[in-house]
Amino acid sequence: MLEPVTDPTGAPFWEYAARGELRVQACADCGELRFPPRPCCPHCQSFEEEWRPVSGRGRVWSYVVPHPPLLPDYAAQAPYNVVVVELEEAPRIRLIGNLVRAAGATLNSVDPSRIRIGARVHVVFWGGLPQWVLA
């Protein structure tokens, strides 16, 4: 399993994920949600931030099924999917992950023919990583 590479700005995302919480960075001044995390608000240029919980509900905005796998350690699970999920309450925020049958299931646990753009999903967590399941 890949380990997230963290930096001081994005570290809180992974700390919350390790606790099973999906939170995104928000500007503490104008309230605008933003992802990926960054030090300055692109809307009002404030450096004030907070981490707000989000529902974890969204829809598949895009996806890919790599053939052959891009990373040799994932060869046994190929073909597997990588989805881009648009959050329900913040459509401009899109998170990347895998669509799985259940938290911790193998990356190939969902038949690629079942994946559709617009499919409703919700977040689950396994090993501190957000994954997605069909709603």
C-alpha atoms as a PDB file:
ATOM      1  CA  MET A   1       0.000   0.000   0.000  1.00  0.00           C
ATOM      2  CA  LEU A   2       1.229   3.476  -0.817  1.00  0.00           C
ATOM      3  CA  GLU A   3       1.820   5.876   2.029  1.00  0.00           C
ATOM      4  CA  PRO A   4       0.682   9.491   1.612  1.00  0.00           C
ATOM      5  CA  VAL A   5       3.410  12.076   1.244  1.00  0.00           C
ATOM      6  CA  THR A   6       2.540  14.898   3.574  1.00  0.00           C
ATOM      7  CA  ASP A   7       3.643  18.487   3.841  1.00  0.00           C
ATOM      8  CA  PRO A   8       2.728  20.918   6.626  1.00  0.00           C
ATOM      9  CA  THR A   9      -0.165  22.415   4.640  1.00  0.00           C
ATOM     10  CA  GLY A  10      -1.791  19.078   3.723  1.00  0.00           C
ATOM     11  CA  ALA A  11      -0.900  17.063   6.841  1.00  0.00           C
ATOM     12  CA  PRO A  12      -4.233  17.764   8.609  1.00  0.00           C
ATOM     13  CA  PHE A  13      -6.134  16.063   5.741  1.00  0.00           C
ATOM     14  CA  TRP A  14      -4.254  12.815   6.411  1.00  0.00           C
ATOM     15  CA  GLU A  15      -4.516  13.169  10.201  1.00  0.00           C
ATOM     16  CA  TYR A  16      -8.308  13.412   9.945  1.00  0.00           C
ATOM     17  CA  ALA A  17      -8.437  10.557   7.412  1.00  0.00           C
ATOM     18  CA  ALA A  18      -6.490   8.351   9.830  1.00  0.00           C
ATOM     19  CA  ARG A  19      -9.343   8.974  12.312  1.00  0.00           C
ATOM     20  CA  GLY A  20     -11.979   8.144   9.695  1.00  0.00           C
ATOM     21  CA  GLU A  21     -12.993  11.751   9.061  1.00  0.00           C
ATOM     22  CA  LEU A  22     -13.199  13.487   5.690  1.00  0.00           C
ATOM     23  CA  ARG A  23     -12.376  17.155   6.127  1.00  0.00           C
ATOM     24  CA  VAL A  24     -11.301  19.798   3.646  1.00  0.00           C
ATOM     25  CA  GLN A  25      -9.488  23.045   4.150  1.00  0.00           C
ATOM     26  CA  ALA A  26     -11.606  26.203   4.277  1.00  0.00           C
ATOM     27  CA  CYS A  27     -10.751  29.863   4.454  1.00  0.00           C
ATOM     28  CA  ALA A  28     -11.451  31.081   7.980  1.00  0.00           C
ATOM     29  CA  ASP A  29     -12.219  34.551   6.605  1.00  0.00           C
ATOM     30  CA  CYS A  30     -14.443  34.085   3.530  1.00  0.00           C
ATOM     31  CA  GLY A  31     -15.507  30.471   4.189  1.00  0.00           C
ATOM     32  CA  GLU A  32     -14.547  29.135   0.746  1.00  0.00           C
ATOM     33  CA  LEU A  33     -13.672  25.421   0.733  1.00  0.00           C
ATOM     34  CA  ARG A  34     -10.481  24.513  -1.111  1.00  0.00           C
ATOM     35  CA  PHE A  35      -8.632  21.395  -2.176  1.00  0.00           C
ATOM     36  CA  PRO A  36      -5.843  20.600  -2.549  1.00  0.00           C
ATOM     37  CA  PRO A  37      -4.775  22.404   0.613  1.00  0.00           C
ATOM     38  CA  ARG A  38      -2.716  25.554   0.191  1.00  0.00           C
ATOM     39  CA  PRO A  39      -1.479  28.309   2.480  1.00  0.00           C
ATOM     40  CA  CYS A  40      -3.423  31.169   0.882  1.00  0.00           C
ATOM     41  CA  CYS A  41      -7.082  31.444  -0.102  1.00  0.00           C
ATOM     42  CA  PRO A  42      -7.355  31.889  -3.881  1.00  0.00           C
ATOM     43  CA  HIS A  43     -10.581  33.894  -3.414  1.00  0.00           C
ATOM     44  CA  CYS A  44      -9.704  36.498  -0.783  1.00  0.00           C
ATOM     45  CA  GLN A  45      -5.938  35.957  -0.313  1.00  0.00           C
ATOM     46  CA  SER A  46      -6.304  35.303   3.417  1.00  0.00           C
ATOM     47  CA  PHE A  47      -3.800  33.040   5.160  1.00  0.00           C
ATOM     48  CA  GLU A  48      -6.356  32.031   7.815  1.00  0.00           C
ATOM     49  CA  GLU A  49      -7.593  28.427   7.534  1.00  0.00           C
ATOM     50  CA  GLU A  50      -9.711  25.805   9.231  1.00  0.00           C
ATOM     51  CA  TRP A  51     -10.590  22.182   8.445  1.00  0.00           C
ATOM     52  CA  ARG A  52     -14.296  21.512   7.983  1.00  0.00           C
ATOM     53  CA  PRO A  53     -15.988  18.131   7.986  1.00  0.00           C
ATOM     54  CA  VAL A  54     -17.813  17.197   4.785  1.00  0.00           C
ATOM     55  CA  SER A  55     -20.437  14.501   4.296  1.00  0.00           C
ATOM     56  CA  GLY A  56     -18.259  12.175   2.233  1.00  0.00           C
ATOM     57  CA  ARG A  57     -21.010  11.895  -0.370  1.00  0.00           C
ATOM     58  CA  GLY A  58     -20.322  12.647  -3.995  1.00  0.00           C
ATOM     59  CA  ARG A  59     -20.438  11.382  -7.531  1.00  0.00           C
ATOM     60  CA  VAL A  60     -17.931   9.851  -9.910  1.00  0.00           C
ATOM     61  CA  TRP A  61     -16.707  12.735 -12.033  1.00  0.00           C
ATOM     62  CA  SER A  62     -14.171  10.687 -14.005  1.00  0.00           C
ATOM     63  CA  TYR A  63     -12.306   7.394 -13.793  1.00  0.00           C
ATOM     64  CA  VAL A  64      -9.609   5.288 -15.417  1.00  0.00           C
ATOM     65  CA  VAL A  65      -8.834   1.578 -15.418  1.00  0.00           C
ATOM     66  CA  PRO A  66      -5.067   1.190 -15.959  1.00  0.00           C
ATOM     67  CA  HIS A  67      -3.897  -1.606 -18.299  1.00  0.00           C
ATOM     68  CA  PRO A  68      -1.208  -2.718 -17.530  1.00  0.00           C
ATOM     69  CA  PRO A  69      -0.793  -1.434 -13.981  1.00  0.00           C
ATOM     70  CA  LEU A  70       1.354   1.636 -13.622  1.00  0.00           C
ATOM     71  CA  LEU A  71       3.018   0.376 -10.431  1.00  0.00           C
ATOM     72  CA  PRO A  72       4.424  -3.181 -10.326  1.00  0.00           C
ATOM     73  CA  ASP A  73       3.209  -3.744  -6.754  1.00  0.00           C
ATOM     74  CA  TYR A  74      -0.366  -3.473  -8.027  1.00  0.00           C
ATOM     75  CA  ALA A  75      -0.015  -6.060 -10.841  1.00  0.00           C
ATOM     76  CA  ALA A  76      -1.924  -8.738  -8.932  1.00  0.00           C
ATOM     77  CA  GLN A  77      -4.950  -6.442  -8.612  1.00  0.00           C
ATOM     78  CA  ALA A  78      -5.087  -5.323 -12.254  1.00  0.00           C
ATOM     79  CA  PRO A  79      -7.290  -4.211 -13.741  1.00  0.00           C
ATOM     80  CA  TYR A  80      -8.186  -1.798 -10.963  1.00  0.00           C
ATOM     81  CA  ASN A  81      -9.870   1.592 -11.031  1.00  0.00           C
ATOM     82  CA  VAL A  82      -8.911   5.098 -10.014  1.00  0.00           C
ATOM     83  CA  VAL A  83     -11.867   7.455  -9.630  1.00  0.00           C
ATOM     84  CA  VAL A  84     -12.177  11.217  -9.358  1.00  0.00           C
ATOM     85  CA  VAL A  85     -15.046  12.057  -7.006  1.00  0.00           C
ATOM     86  CA  GLU A  86     -16.809  15.413  -6.974  1.00  0.00           C
ATOM     87  CA  LEU A  87     -18.038  16.214  -3.456  1.00  0.00           C
ATOM     88  CA  GLU A  88     -21.773  16.760  -3.045  1.00  0.00           C
ATOM     89  CA  GLU A  89     -21.525  19.942  -0.992  1.00  0.00           C
ATOM     90  CA  ALA A  90     -18.551  21.363  -2.867  1.00  0.00           C
ATOM     91  CA  PRO A  91     -18.723  20.461  -6.576  1.00  0.00           C
ATOM     92  CA  ARG A  92     -15.464  22.259  -7.349  1.00  0.00           C
ATOM     93  CA  ILE A  93     -13.628  19.924  -4.963  1.00  0.00           C
ATOM     94  CA  ARG A  94     -12.607  16.602  -6.487  1.00  0.00           C
ATOM     95  CA  LEU A  95     -10.781  13.839  -4.653  1.00  0.00           C
ATOM     96  CA  ILE A  96      -8.950  10.871  -6.153  1.00  0.00           C
ATOM     97  CA  GLY A  97      -9.214   7.320  -4.848  1.00  0.00           C
ATOM     98  CA  ASN A  98     -10.419   3.841  -5.645  1.00  0.00           C
ATOM     99  CA  LEU A  99     -13.959   2.516  -5.930  1.00  0.00           C
ATOM    100  CA  VAL A 100     -14.146  -0.648  -3.821  1.00  0.00           C
ATOM    101  CA  ARG A 101     -16.860  -3.055  -2.699  1.00  0.00           C
ATOM    102  CA  ALA A 102     -16.219  -2.260   0.983  1.00  0.00           C
ATOM    103  CA  ALA A 103     -13.552  -0.594   3.115  1.00  0.00           C
ATOM    104  CA  GLY A 104     -10.309  -2.506   2.720  1.00  0.00           C
ATOM    105  CA  ALA A 105     -11.490  -4.594  -0.238  1.00  0.00           C
ATOM    106  CA  THR A 106      -9.015  -5.160  -3.040  1.00  0.00           C
ATOM    107  CA  LEU A 107      -8.700  -2.440  -5.641  1.00  0.00           C
ATOM    108  CA  ASN A 108     -10.267  -4.764  -8.241  1.00  0.00           C
ATOM    109  CA  SER A 109     -13.312  -5.622  -6.097  1.00  0.00           C
ATOM    110  CA  VAL A 110     -15.658  -3.578  -8.332  1.00  0.00           C
ATOM    111  CA  ASP A 111     -16.085  -4.779 -11.908  1.00  0.00           C
ATOM    112  CA  PRO A 112     -15.024  -1.893 -14.181  1.00  0.00           C
ATOM    113  CA  SER A 113     -18.234  -2.346 -16.206  1.00  0.00           C
ATOM    114  CA  ARG A 114     -20.210  -1.164 -13.128  1.00  0.00           C
ATOM    115  CA  ILE A 115     -18.460   2.207 -12.945  1.00  0.00           C
ATOM    116  CA  ARG A 116     -20.388   5.096 -14.446  1.00  0.00           C
ATOM    117  CA  ILE A 117     -19.778   8.826 -14.620  1.00  0.00           C
ATOM    118  CA  GLY A 118     -22.289  10.397 -12.249  1.00  0.00           C
ATOM    119  CA  ALA A 119     -22.629   7.304 -10.023  1.00  0.00           C
ATOM    120  CA  ARG A 120     -23.341   8.246  -6.417  1.00  0.00           C
ATOM    121  CA  VAL A 121     -20.640   7.223  -3.954  1.00  0.00           C
ATOM    122  CA  HIS A 122     -19.669   7.757  -0.351  1.00  0.00           C
ATOM    123  CA  VAL A 123     -16.346   7.646   1.424  1.00  0.00           C
ATOM    124  CA  VAL A 124     -15.038   4.805   3.581  1.00  0.00           C
ATOM    125  CA  PHE A 125     -11.623   4.595   5.182  1.00  0.00           C
ATOM    126  CA  TRP A 126      -9.043   1.842   5.327  1.00  0.00           C
ATOM    127  CA  GLY A 127      -5.560   2.218   6.723  1.00  0.00           C
ATOM    128  CA  GLY A 128      -5.986   5.991   6.861  1.00  0.00           C
ATOM    129  CA  LEU A 129      -6.807   6.235   3.156  1.00  0.00           C
ATOM    130  CA  PRO A 130     -10.146   7.422   1.809  1.00  0.00           C
ATOM    131  CA  GLN A 131     -11.791   4.944  -0.557  1.00  0.00           C
ATOM    132  CA  TRP A 132     -15.181   5.107  -2.253  1.00  0.00           C
ATOM    133  CA  VAL A 133     -18.142   2.719  -2.384  1.00  0.00           C
ATOM    134  CA  LEU A 134     -21.275   2.914  -4.488  1.00  0.00           C
ATOM    135  CA  ALA A 135     -24.140   4.577  -2.604  1.00  0.00           C
END
